[in-house]
Amino acid sequence: MREILPDLQRWRRQGKRVAIARVVDVEGSGPRLPGAAMAVAEDGEVAGSVSGGCVEGAVVEAGLACIESGTRELVTFGYSDDDAFAVGLTCGGTIHLFLEPLDW
């Protein structure tokens, strides 16, 4: 979380809407441990990482949707999901992310 604080502070000064994605659970082999965080600004700018690159694009899309809807959501990417291969999660595990809009 600390690695994204400078970007969050800058976005706050700029008045941007932001969503935060956090790894809340990993089953099997996963690219990042619980607690890893990524922030997505409304213009698509990204800070941090929740997957080391393998599902970041899909998380950006989910983050932008979260900003628009204003709702919190649990998102899962897993080895057995067809979507997991489509977005590049081939590590053999499942990651659970909690997405929420940041309320300044």
PDB file of N, CA and C in Angstrom:
ATOM      1  N   MET A   1       0.826  -1.189   0.000  1.00  0.00           N
ATOM      2  CA  MET A   1       0.000   0.000   0.000  1.00  0.00           C
ATOM      3  C   MET A   1       0.871   1.252   0.000  1.00  0.00           C
ATOM      4  N   ARG A   2       1.976   1.213   0.716  1.00  0.00           N
ATOM      5  CA  ARG A   2       2.831   2.399   0.813  1.00  0.00           C
ATOM      6  C   ARG A   2       3.364   2.838  -0.541  1.00  0.00           C
ATOM      7  N   GLU A   3       3.610   1.873  -1.419  1.00  0.00           N
ATOM      8  CA  GLU A   3       4.183   2.213  -2.725  1.00  0.00           C
ATOM      9  C   GLU A   3       3.235   3.061  -3.572  1.00  0.00           C
ATOM     10  N   ILE A   4       1.945   3.016  -3.300  1.00  0.00           N
ATOM     11  CA  ILE A   4       1.007   3.794  -4.117  1.00  0.00           C
ATOM     12  C   ILE A   4       0.609   5.122  -3.471  1.00  0.00           C
ATOM     13  N   LEU A   5       1.058   5.371  -2.244  1.00  0.00           N
ATOM     14  CA  LEU A   5       0.664   6.599  -1.543  1.00  0.00           C
ATOM     15  C   LEU A   5       1.031   7.893  -2.276  1.00  0.00           C
ATOM     16  N   PRO A   6       2.234   8.020  -2.825  1.00  0.00           N
ATOM     17  CA  PRO A   6       2.544   9.265  -3.544  1.00  0.00           C
ATOM     18  C   PRO A   6       1.581   9.543  -4.700  1.00  0.00           C
ATOM     19  N   ASP A   7       1.222   8.489  -5.438  1.00  0.00           N
ATOM     20  CA  ASP A   7       0.271   8.667  -6.545  1.00  0.00           C
ATOM     21  C   ASP A   7      -1.105   9.029  -6.018  1.00  0.00           C
ATOM     22  N   LEU A   8      -1.531   8.370  -4.941  1.00  0.00           N
ATOM     23  CA  LEU A   8      -2.836   8.690  -4.356  1.00  0.00           C
ATOM     24  C   LEU A   8      -2.890  10.145  -3.898  1.00  0.00           C
ATOM     25  N   GLN A   9      -1.827  10.610  -3.291  1.00  0.00           N
ATOM     26  CA  GLN A   9      -1.797  12.005  -2.842  1.00  0.00           C
ATOM     27  C   GLN A   9      -1.875  12.968  -4.035  1.00  0.00           C
ATOM     28  N   ARG A  10      -1.136  12.655  -5.090  1.00  0.00           N
ATOM     29  CA  ARG A  10      -1.165  13.498  -6.302  1.00  0.00           C
ATOM     30  C   ARG A  10      -2.556  13.500  -6.922  1.00  0.00           C
ATOM     31  N   TRP A  11      -3.177  12.329  -7.029  1.00  0.00           N
ATOM     32  CA  TRP A  11      -4.509  12.240  -7.624  1.00  0.00           C
ATOM     33  C   TRP A  11      -5.532  12.988  -6.781  1.00  0.00           C
ATOM     34  N   ARG A  12      -5.362  12.932  -5.473  1.00  0.00           N
ATOM     35  CA  ARG A  12      -6.283  13.661  -4.596  1.00  0.00           C
ATOM     36  C   ARG A  12      -6.175  15.166  -4.857  1.00  0.00           C
ATOM     37  N   ARG A  13      -4.941  15.669  -4.947  1.00  0.00           N
ATOM     38  CA  ARG A  13      -4.743  17.091  -5.239  1.00  0.00           C
ATOM     39  C   ARG A  13      -5.360  17.474  -6.581  1.00  0.00           C
ATOM     40  N   GLN A  14      -5.315  16.535  -7.529  1.00  0.00           N
ATOM     41  CA  GLN A  14      -5.852  16.783  -8.867  1.00  0.00           C
ATOM     42  C   GLN A  14      -7.365  16.576  -8.937  1.00  0.00           C
ATOM     43  N   GLY A  15      -7.965  16.080  -7.864  1.00  0.00           N
ATOM     44  CA  GLY A  15      -9.405  15.871  -7.820  1.00  0.00           C
ATOM     45  C   GLY A  15      -9.888  14.671  -8.618  1.00  0.00           C
ATOM     46  N   LYS A  16      -9.014  13.710  -8.858  1.00  0.00           N
ATOM     47  CA  LYS A  16      -9.391  12.524  -9.634  1.00  0.00           C
ATOM     48  C   LYS A  16     -10.160  11.525  -8.772  1.00  0.00           C
ATOM     49  N   ARG A  17     -11.092  10.840  -9.425  1.00  0.00           N
ATOM     50  CA  ARG A  17     -11.763   9.707  -8.791  1.00  0.00           C
ATOM     51  C   ARG A  17     -10.854   8.490  -8.952  1.00  0.00           C
ATOM     52  N   VAL A  18     -10.847   7.628  -7.929  1.00  0.00           N
ATOM     53  CA  VAL A  18      -9.892   6.522  -7.883  1.00  0.00           C
ATOM     54  C   VAL A  18     -10.562   5.273  -7.326  1.00  0.00           C
ATOM     55  N   ALA A  19     -10.135   4.116  -7.830  1.00  0.00           N
ATOM     56  CA  ALA A  19     -10.533   2.823  -7.255  1.00  0.00           C
ATOM     57  C   ALA A  19      -9.276   2.119  -6.760  1.00  0.00           C
ATOM     58  N   ILE A  20      -9.441   1.372  -5.676  1.00  0.00           N
ATOM     59  CA  ILE A  20      -8.353   0.584  -5.101  1.00  0.00           C
ATOM     60  C   ILE A  20      -8.702  -0.895  -5.244  1.00  0.00           C
ATOM     61  N   ALA A  21      -7.728  -1.675  -5.707  1.00  0.00           N
ATOM     62  CA  ALA A  21      -7.866  -3.131  -5.777  1.00  0.00           C
ATOM     63  C   ALA A  21      -6.847  -3.724  -4.817  1.00  0.00           C
ATOM     64  N   ARG A  22      -7.296  -4.632  -3.949  1.00  0.00           N
ATOM     65  CA  ARG A  22      -6.396  -5.280  -2.992  1.00  0.00           C
ATOM     66  C   ARG A  22      -6.526  -6.794  -3.115  1.00  0.00           C
ATOM     67  N   VAL A  23      -5.397  -7.473  -3.071  1.00  0.00           N
ATOM     68  CA  VAL A  23      -5.419  -8.934  -3.003  1.00  0.00           C
ATOM     69  C   VAL A  23      -5.870  -9.299  -1.597  1.00  0.00           C
ATOM     70  N   VAL A  24      -6.977 -10.044  -1.511  1.00  0.00           N
ATOM     71  CA  VAL A  24      -7.485 -10.448  -0.197  1.00  0.00           C
ATOM     72  C   VAL A  24      -7.291 -11.932   0.071  1.00  0.00           C
ATOM     73  N   ASP A  25      -7.035 -12.713  -0.980  1.00  0.00           N
ATOM     74  CA  ASP A  25      -6.803 -14.145  -0.784  1.00  0.00           C
ATOM     75  C   ASP A  25      -6.143 -14.710  -2.026  1.00  0.00           C
ATOM     76  N   VAL A  26      -5.332 -15.730  -1.816  1.00  0.00           N
ATOM     77  CA  VAL A  26      -4.681 -16.457  -2.907  1.00  0.00           C
ATOM     78  C   VAL A  26      -4.854 -17.934  -2.618  1.00  0.00           C
ATOM     79  N   GLU A  27      -5.305 -18.671  -3.613  1.00  0.00           N
ATOM     80  CA  GLU A  27      -5.417 -20.126  -3.496  1.00  0.00           C
ATOM     81  C   GLU A  27      -4.403 -20.742  -4.443  1.00  0.00           C
ATOM     82  N   GLY A  28      -3.583 -21.639  -3.943  1.00  0.00           N
ATOM     83  CA  GLY A  28      -2.546 -22.226  -4.773  1.00  0.00           C
ATOM     84  C   GLY A  28      -1.438 -21.220  -5.019  1.00  0.00           C
ATOM     85  N   SER A  29      -0.838 -21.325  -6.192  1.00  0.00           N
ATOM     86  CA  SER A  29       0.250 -20.430  -6.562  1.00  0.00           C
ATOM     87  C   SER A  29      -0.323 -19.113  -7.067  1.00  0.00           C
ATOM     88  N   GLY A  30       0.168 -18.015  -6.514  1.00  0.00           N
ATOM     89  CA  GLY A  30      -0.311 -16.707  -6.934  1.00  0.00           C
ATOM     90  C   GLY A  30       0.848 -15.759  -7.141  1.00  0.00           C
ATOM     91  N   PRO A  31       0.651 -14.765  -7.991  1.00  0.00           N
ATOM     92  CA  PRO A  31       1.736 -13.847  -8.307  1.00  0.00           C
ATOM     93  C   PRO A  31       2.062 -12.859  -7.189  1.00  0.00           C
ATOM     94  N   ARG A  32       1.081 -12.457  -6.383  1.00  0.00           N
ATOM     95  CA  ARG A  32       1.305 -11.506  -5.290  1.00  0.00           C
ATOM     96  C   ARG A  32       0.544 -11.987  -4.063  1.00  0.00           C
ATOM     97  N   LEU A  33       1.029 -11.646  -2.903  1.00  0.00           N
ATOM     98  CA  LEU A  33       0.426 -12.076  -1.643  1.00  0.00           C
ATOM     99  C   LEU A  33      -0.715 -11.147  -1.224  1.00  0.00           C
ATOM    100  N   PRO A  34      -1.602 -11.629  -0.341  1.00  0.00           N
ATOM    101  CA  PRO A  34      -2.640 -10.753   0.198  1.00  0.00           C
ATOM    102  C   PRO A  34      -2.022  -9.474   0.772  1.00  0.00           C
ATOM    103  N   GLY A  35      -2.709  -8.383   0.507  1.00  0.00           N
ATOM    104  CA  GLY A  35      -2.216  -7.072   0.923  1.00  0.00           C
ATOM    105  C   GLY A  35      -1.668  -6.260  -0.233  1.00  0.00           C
ATOM    106  N   ALA A  36      -1.257  -6.930  -1.310  1.00  0.00           N
ATOM    107  CA  ALA A  36      -0.780  -6.198  -2.486  1.00  0.00           C
ATOM    108  C   ALA A  36      -1.914  -5.315  -2.990  1.00  0.00           C
ATOM    109  N   ALA A  37      -1.567  -4.108  -3.417  1.00  0.00           N
ATOM    110  CA  ALA A  37      -2.602  -3.158  -3.819  1.00  0.00           C
ATOM    111  C   ALA A  37      -2.252  -2.468  -5.128  1.00  0.00           C
ATOM    112  N   MET A  38      -3.301  -2.085  -5.827  1.00  0.00           N
ATOM    113  CA  MET A  38      -3.179  -1.327  -7.065  1.00  0.00           C
ATOM    114  C   MET A  38      -4.272  -0.266  -7.065  1.00  0.00           C
ATOM    115  N   ALA A  39      -3.933   0.928  -7.516  1.00  0.00           N
ATOM    116  CA  ALA A  39      -4.916   2.004  -7.631  1.00  0.00           C
ATOM    117  C   ALA A  39      -5.077   2.356  -9.090  1.00  0.00           C
ATOM    118  N   VAL A  40      -6.314   2.674  -9.466  1.00  0.00           N
ATOM    119  CA  VAL A  40      -6.634   3.068 -10.828  1.00  0.00           C
ATOM    120  C   VAL A  40      -7.348   4.411 -10.766  1.00  0.00           C
ATOM    121  N   ALA A  41      -6.802   5.395 -11.477  1.00  0.00           N
ATOM    122  CA  ALA A  41      -7.445   6.704 -11.554  1.00  0.00           C
ATOM    123  C   ALA A  41      -8.449   6.703 -12.703  1.00  0.00           C
ATOM    124  N   GLU A  42      -9.383   7.640 -12.653  1.00  0.00           N
ATOM    125  CA  GLU A  42     -10.455   7.679 -13.643  1.00  0.00           C
ATOM    126  C   GLU A  42      -9.945   7.853 -15.068  1.00  0.00           C
ATOM    127  N   ASP A  43      -8.719   8.366 -15.248  1.00  0.00           N
ATOM    128  CA  ASP A  43      -8.157   8.534 -16.587  1.00  0.00           C
ATOM    129  C   ASP A  43      -7.338   7.325 -17.032  1.00  0.00           C
ATOM    130  N   GLY A  44      -7.348   6.252 -16.218  1.00  0.00           N
ATOM    131  CA  GLY A  44      -6.649   5.021 -16.560  1.00  0.00           C
ATOM    132  C   GLY A  44      -5.228   4.940 -16.043  1.00  0.00           C
ATOM    133  N   GLU A  45      -4.743   5.983 -15.361  1.00  0.00           N
ATOM    134  CA  GLU A  45      -3.410   5.930 -14.767  1.00  0.00           C
ATOM    135  C   GLU A  45      -3.420   4.896 -13.642  1.00  0.00           C
ATOM    136  N   VAL A  46      -2.316   4.159 -13.504  1.00  0.00           N
ATOM    137  CA  VAL A  46      -2.246   3.042 -12.561  1.00  0.00           C
ATOM    138  C   VAL A  46      -1.039   3.202 -11.648  1.00  0.00           C
ATOM    139  N   ALA A  47      -1.211   2.807 -10.403  1.00  0.00           N
ATOM    140  CA  ALA A  47      -0.112   2.746  -9.439  1.00  0.00           C
ATOM    141  C   ALA A  47      -0.185   1.405  -8.726  1.00  0.00           C
ATOM    142  N   GLY A  48       0.956   0.773  -8.524  1.00  0.00           N
ATOM    143  CA  GLY A  48       1.000  -0.495  -7.809  1.00  0.00           C
ATOM    144  C   GLY A  48       0.709  -1.683  -8.712  1.00  0.00           C
ATOM    145  N   SER A  49       0.618  -2.842  -8.085  1.00  0.00           N
ATOM    146  CA  SER A  49       0.397  -4.082  -8.822  1.00  0.00           C
ATOM    147  C   SER A  49      -0.264  -5.117  -7.920  1.00  0.00           C
ATOM    148  N   VAL A  50      -1.188  -5.875  -8.491  1.00  0.00           N
ATOM    149  CA  VAL A  50      -1.815  -6.967  -7.746  1.00  0.00           C
ATOM    150  C   VAL A  50      -1.460  -8.330  -8.315  1.00  0.00           C
ATOM    151  N   SER A  51      -0.777  -8.331  -9.468  1.00  0.00           N
ATOM    152  CA  SER A  51      -0.505  -9.624 -10.086  1.00  0.00           C
ATOM    153  C   SER A  51       0.844  -9.710 -10.782  1.00  0.00           C
ATOM    154  N   GLY A  52       1.670  -8.738 -10.620  1.00  0.00           N
ATOM    155  CA  GLY A  52       2.957  -8.784 -11.299  1.00  0.00           C
ATOM    156  C   GLY A  52       2.823  -8.673 -12.800  1.00  0.00           C
ATOM    157  N   GLY A  53       1.673  -8.239 -13.270  1.00  0.00           N
ATOM    158  CA  GLY A  53       1.482  -7.998 -14.693  1.00  0.00           C
ATOM    159  C   GLY A  53       0.489  -8.911 -15.383  1.00  0.00           C
ATOM    160  N   CYS A  54       0.215 -10.092 -14.813  1.00  0.00           N
ATOM    161  CA  CYS A  54      -0.564 -11.065 -15.572  1.00  0.00           C
ATOM    162  C   CYS A  54      -2.056 -10.739 -15.691  1.00  0.00           C
ATOM    163  N   VAL A  55      -2.648 -10.012 -14.767  1.00  0.00           N
ATOM    164  CA  VAL A  55      -4.061  -9.651 -14.912  1.00  0.00           C
ATOM    165  C   VAL A  55      -4.300  -8.152 -14.756  1.00  0.00           C
ATOM    166  N   GLU A  56      -3.223  -7.369 -14.795  1.00  0.00           N
ATOM    167  CA  GLU A  56      -3.355  -5.933 -14.553  1.00  0.00           C
ATOM    168  C   GLU A  56      -4.358  -5.264 -15.487  1.00  0.00           C
ATOM    169  N   GLY A  57      -4.342  -5.614 -16.763  1.00  0.00           N
ATOM    170  CA  GLY A  57      -5.269  -4.999 -17.720  1.00  0.00           C
ATOM    171  C   GLY A  57      -6.723  -5.227 -17.337  1.00  0.00           C
ATOM    172  N   ALA A  58      -7.031  -6.440 -16.933  1.00  0.00           N
ATOM    173  CA  ALA A  58      -8.406  -6.754 -16.525  1.00  0.00           C
ATOM    174  C   ALA A  58      -8.765  -6.021 -15.236  1.00  0.00           C
ATOM    175  N   VAL A  59      -7.789  -5.842 -14.349  1.00  0.00           N
ATOM    176  CA  VAL A  59      -8.043  -5.135 -13.098  1.00  0.00           C
ATOM    177  C   VAL A  59      -8.270  -3.645 -13.365  1.00  0.00           C
ATOM    178  N   VAL A  60      -7.548  -3.083 -14.324  1.00  0.00           N
ATOM    179  CA  VAL A  60      -7.779  -1.680 -14.702  1.00  0.00           C
ATOM    180  C   VAL A  60      -9.212  -1.515 -15.191  1.00  0.00           C
ATOM    181  N   GLU A  61      -9.661  -2.410 -16.060  1.00  0.00           N
ATOM    182  CA  GLU A  61     -11.045  -2.346 -16.559  1.00  0.00           C
ATOM    183  C   GLU A  61     -12.040  -2.454 -15.403  1.00  0.00           C
ATOM    184  N   ALA A  62     -11.801  -3.388 -14.487  1.00  0.00           N
ATOM    185  CA  ALA A  62     -12.700  -3.544 -13.344  1.00  0.00           C
ATOM    186  C   ALA A  62     -12.655  -2.315 -12.450  1.00  0.00           C
ATOM    187  N   GLY A  63     -11.475  -1.724 -12.286  1.00  0.00           N
ATOM    188  CA  GLY A  63     -11.341  -0.516 -11.479  1.00  0.00           C
ATOM    189  C   GLY A  63     -12.095   0.657 -12.075  1.00  0.00           C
ATOM    190  N   LEU A  64     -12.012   0.826 -13.384  1.00  0.00           N
ATOM    191  CA  LEU A  64     -12.742   1.909 -14.049  1.00  0.00           C
ATOM    192  C   LEU A  64     -14.253   1.705 -13.908  1.00  0.00           C
ATOM    193  N   ALA A  65     -14.702   0.461 -14.028  1.00  0.00           N
ATOM    194  CA  ALA A  65     -16.127   0.168 -13.842  1.00  0.00           C
ATOM    195  C   ALA A  65     -16.546   0.446 -12.406  1.00  0.00           C
ATOM    196  N   CYS A  66     -15.670   0.144 -11.459  1.00  0.00           N
ATOM    197  CA  CYS A  66     -15.936   0.400 -10.040  1.00  0.00           C
ATOM    198  C   CYS A  66     -16.092   1.898  -9.788  1.00  0.00           C
ATOM    199  N   ILE A  67     -15.237   2.706 -10.412  1.00  0.00           N
ATOM    200  CA  ILE A  67     -15.327   4.162 -10.266  1.00  0.00           C
ATOM    201  C   ILE A  67     -16.676   4.650 -10.791  1.00  0.00           C
ATOM    202  N   GLU A  68     -17.071   4.150 -11.941  1.00  0.00           N
ATOM    203  CA  GLU A  68     -18.338   4.576 -12.560  1.00  0.00           C
ATOM    204  C   GLU A  68     -19.554   4.144 -11.744  1.00  0.00           C
ATOM    205  N   SER A  69     -19.521   2.910 -11.254  1.00  0.00           N
ATOM    206  CA  SER A  69     -20.686   2.387 -10.528  1.00  0.00           C
ATOM    207  C   SER A  69     -20.719   2.842  -9.075  1.00  0.00           C
ATOM    208  N   GLY A  70     -19.540   3.103  -8.511  1.00  0.00           N
ATOM    209  CA  GLY A  70     -19.470   3.483  -7.112  1.00  0.00           C
ATOM    210  C   GLY A  70     -19.691   2.327  -6.151  1.00  0.00           C
ATOM    211  N   THR A  71     -19.623   1.102  -6.658  1.00  0.00           N
ATOM    212  CA  THR A  71     -19.885  -0.066  -5.818  1.00  0.00           C
ATOM    213  C   THR A  71     -18.613  -0.855  -5.541  1.00  0.00           C
ATOM    214  N   ARG A  72     -18.629  -1.547  -4.407  1.00  0.00           N
ATOM    215  CA  ARG A  72     -17.527  -2.436  -4.031  1.00  0.00           C
ATOM    216  C   ARG A  72     -17.811  -3.815  -4.616  1.00  0.00           C
ATOM    217  N   GLU A  73     -16.731  -4.551  -4.857  1.00  0.00           N
ATOM    218  CA  GLU A  73     -16.935  -5.856  -5.483  1.00  0.00           C
ATOM    219  C   GLU A  73     -15.738  -6.761  -5.234  1.00  0.00           C
ATOM    220  N   LEU A  74     -16.013  -8.061  -5.118  1.00  0.00           N
ATOM    221  CA  LEU A  74     -14.984  -9.079  -5.043  1.00  0.00           C
ATOM    222  C   LEU A  74     -14.818  -9.659  -6.441  1.00  0.00           C
ATOM    223  N   VAL A  75     -13.593  -9.649  -6.944  1.00  0.00           N
ATOM    224  CA  VAL A  75     -13.294 -10.152  -8.289  1.00  0.00           C
ATOM    225  C   VAL A  75     -12.302 -11.293  -8.145  1.00  0.00           C
ATOM    226  N   THR A  76     -12.532 -12.375  -8.888  1.00  0.00           N
ATOM    227  CA  THR A  76     -11.675 -13.547  -8.806  1.00  0.00           C
ATOM    228  C   THR A  76     -11.130 -13.916 -10.175  1.00  0.00           C
ATOM    229  N   PHE A  77      -9.843 -14.206 -10.209  1.00  0.00           N
ATOM    230  CA  PHE A  77      -9.204 -14.746 -11.411  1.00  0.00           C
ATOM    231  C   PHE A  77      -8.564 -16.054 -11.006  1.00  0.00           C
ATOM    232  N   GLY A  78      -8.916 -17.129 -11.730  1.00  0.00           N
ATOM    233  CA  GLY A  78      -8.401 -18.436 -11.345  1.00  0.00           C
ATOM    234  C   GLY A  78      -7.938 -19.248 -12.519  1.00  0.00           C
ATOM    235  N   TYR A  79      -7.107 -20.213 -12.222  1.00  0.00           N
ATOM    236  CA  TYR A  79      -6.515 -21.091 -13.220  1.00  0.00           C
ATOM    237  C   TYR A  79      -7.567 -21.823 -14.039  1.00  0.00           C
ATOM    238  N   SER A  80      -8.681 -22.190 -13.409  1.00  0.00           N
ATOM    239  CA  SER A  80      -9.700 -22.960 -14.128  1.00  0.00           C
ATOM    240  C   SER A  80     -10.644 -22.072 -14.926  1.00  0.00           C
ATOM    241  N   ASP A  81     -10.552 -20.766 -14.731  1.00  0.00           N
ATOM    242  CA  ASP A  81     -11.420 -19.851 -15.473  1.00  0.00           C
ATOM    243  C   ASP A  81     -10.878 -19.626 -16.876  1.00  0.00           C
ATOM    244  N   ASP A  82     -11.752 -19.690 -17.877  1.00  0.00           N
ATOM    245  CA  ASP A  82     -11.326 -19.377 -19.239  1.00  0.00           C
ATOM    246  C   ASP A  82     -10.782 -17.967 -19.308  1.00  0.00           C
ATOM    247  N   ASP A  83     -11.364 -17.056 -18.518  1.00  0.00           N
ATOM    248  CA  ASP A  83     -10.907 -15.672 -18.502  1.00  0.00           C
ATOM    249  C   ASP A  83      -9.486 -15.553 -17.974  1.00  0.00           C
ATOM    250  N   ALA A  84      -9.092 -16.444 -17.094  1.00  0.00           N
ATOM    251  CA  ALA A  84      -7.746 -16.367 -16.522  1.00  0.00           C
ATOM    252  C   ALA A  84      -6.691 -16.495 -17.608  1.00  0.00           C
ATOM    253  N   PHE A  85      -6.883 -17.451 -18.519  1.00  0.00           N
ATOM    254  CA  PHE A  85      -5.921 -17.604 -19.605  1.00  0.00           C
ATOM    255  C   PHE A  85      -5.991 -16.421 -20.558  1.00  0.00           C
ATOM    256  N   ALA A  86      -7.185 -15.912 -20.784  1.00  0.00           N
ATOM    257  CA  ALA A  86      -7.348 -14.783 -21.696  1.00  0.00           C
ATOM    258  C   ALA A  86      -6.592 -13.554 -21.216  1.00  0.00           C
ATOM    259  N   VAL A  87      -6.542 -13.337 -19.898  1.00  0.00           N
ATOM    260  CA  VAL A  87      -5.846 -12.168 -19.375  1.00  0.00           C
ATOM    261  C   VAL A  87      -4.418 -12.489 -18.945  1.00  0.00           C
ATOM    262  N   GLY A  88      -4.021 -13.750 -19.019  1.00  0.00           N
ATOM    263  CA  GLY A  88      -2.630 -14.096 -18.773  1.00  0.00           C
ATOM    264  C   GLY A  88      -2.311 -14.713 -17.428  1.00  0.00           C
ATOM    265  N   LEU A  89      -3.297 -15.132 -16.647  1.00  0.00           N
ATOM    266  CA  LEU A  89      -3.028 -15.750 -15.354  1.00  0.00           C
ATOM    267  C   LEU A  89      -2.783 -17.238 -15.573  1.00  0.00           C
ATOM    268  N   THR A  90      -1.535 -17.600 -15.705  1.00  0.00           N
ATOM    269  CA  THR A  90      -1.192 -18.990 -15.983  1.00  0.00           C
ATOM    270  C   THR A  90      -0.374 -19.602 -14.858  1.00  0.00           C
ATOM    271  N   CYS A  91      -0.365 -18.958 -13.685  1.00  0.00           N
ATOM    272  CA  CYS A  91       0.475 -19.421 -12.578  1.00  0.00           C
ATOM    273  C   CYS A  91      -0.118 -20.629 -11.860  1.00  0.00           C
ATOM    274  N   GLY A  92      -1.336 -20.982 -12.177  1.00  0.00           N
ATOM    275  CA  GLY A  92      -1.924 -22.175 -11.592  1.00  0.00           C
ATOM    276  C   GLY A  92      -2.750 -21.950 -10.355  1.00  0.00           C
ATOM    277  N   GLY A  93      -2.858 -20.726  -9.889  1.00  0.00           N
ATOM    278  CA  GLY A  93      -3.621 -20.443  -8.681  1.00  0.00           C
ATOM    279  C   GLY A  93      -4.819 -19.568  -8.966  1.00  0.00           C
ATOM    280  N   THR A  94      -5.432 -19.115  -7.888  1.00  0.00           N
ATOM    281  CA  THR A  94      -6.588 -18.226  -7.970  1.00  0.00           C
ATOM    282  C   THR A  94      -6.318 -17.031  -7.069  1.00  0.00           C
ATOM    283  N   ILE A  95      -6.584 -15.830  -7.580  1.00  0.00           N
ATOM    284  CA  ILE A  95      -6.441 -14.640  -6.751  1.00  0.00           C
ATOM    285  C   ILE A  95      -7.801 -13.976  -6.601  1.00  0.00           C
ATOM    286  N   HIS A  96      -8.068 -13.509  -5.380  1.00  0.00           N
ATOM    287  CA  HIS A  96      -9.309 -12.800  -5.064  1.00  0.00           C
ATOM    288  C   HIS A  96      -8.945 -11.358  -4.751  1.00  0.00           C
ATOM    289  N   LEU A  97      -9.595 -10.443  -5.435  1.00  0.00           N
ATOM    290  CA  LEU A  97      -9.336  -9.015  -5.263  1.00  0.00           C
ATOM    291  C   LEU A  97     -10.593  -8.328  -4.752  1.00  0.00           C
ATOM    292  N   PHE A  98     -10.409  -7.390  -3.838  1.00  0.00           N
ATOM    293  CA  PHE A  98     -11.508  -6.549  -3.398  1.00  0.00           C
ATOM    294  C   PHE A  98     -11.308  -5.183  -4.029  1.00  0.00           C
ATOM    295  N   LEU A  99     -12.298  -4.739  -4.804  1.00  0.00           N
ATOM    296  CA  LEU A  99     -12.245  -3.441  -5.447  1.00  0.00           C
ATOM    297  C   LEU A  99     -13.239  -2.510  -4.783  1.00  0.00           C
ATOM    298  N   GLU A 100     -12.788  -1.273  -4.572  1.00  0.00           N
ATOM    299  CA  GLU A 100     -13.691  -0.282  -4.013  1.00  0.00           C
ATOM    300  C   GLU A 100     -13.275   1.108  -4.479  1.00  0.00           C
ATOM    301  N   PRO A 101     -14.271   1.982  -4.673  1.00  0.00           N
ATOM    302  CA  PRO A 101     -13.941   3.368  -4.994  1.00  0.00           C
ATOM    303  C   PRO A 101     -13.360   4.033  -3.752  1.00  0.00           C
ATOM    304  N   LEU A 102     -12.361   4.874  -3.953  1.00  0.00           N
ATOM    305  CA  LEU A 102     -11.761   5.586  -2.835  1.00  0.00           C
ATOM    306  C   LEU A 102     -12.589   6.819  -2.508  1.00  0.00           C
ATOM    307  N   ASP A 103     -12.951   6.941  -1.257  1.00  0.00           N
ATOM    308  CA  ASP A 103     -13.726   8.089  -0.811  1.00  0.00           C
ATOM    309  C   ASP A 103     -12.759   9.065  -0.141  1.00  0.00           C
ATOM    310  N   TRP A 104     -12.445  10.139  -0.833  1.00  0.00           N
ATOM    311  CA  TRP A 104     -11.507  11.124  -0.278  1.00  0.00           C
ATOM    312  C   TRP A 104     -12.049  11.705   0.997  1.00  0.00           C
TER     313      TRP A 104
END
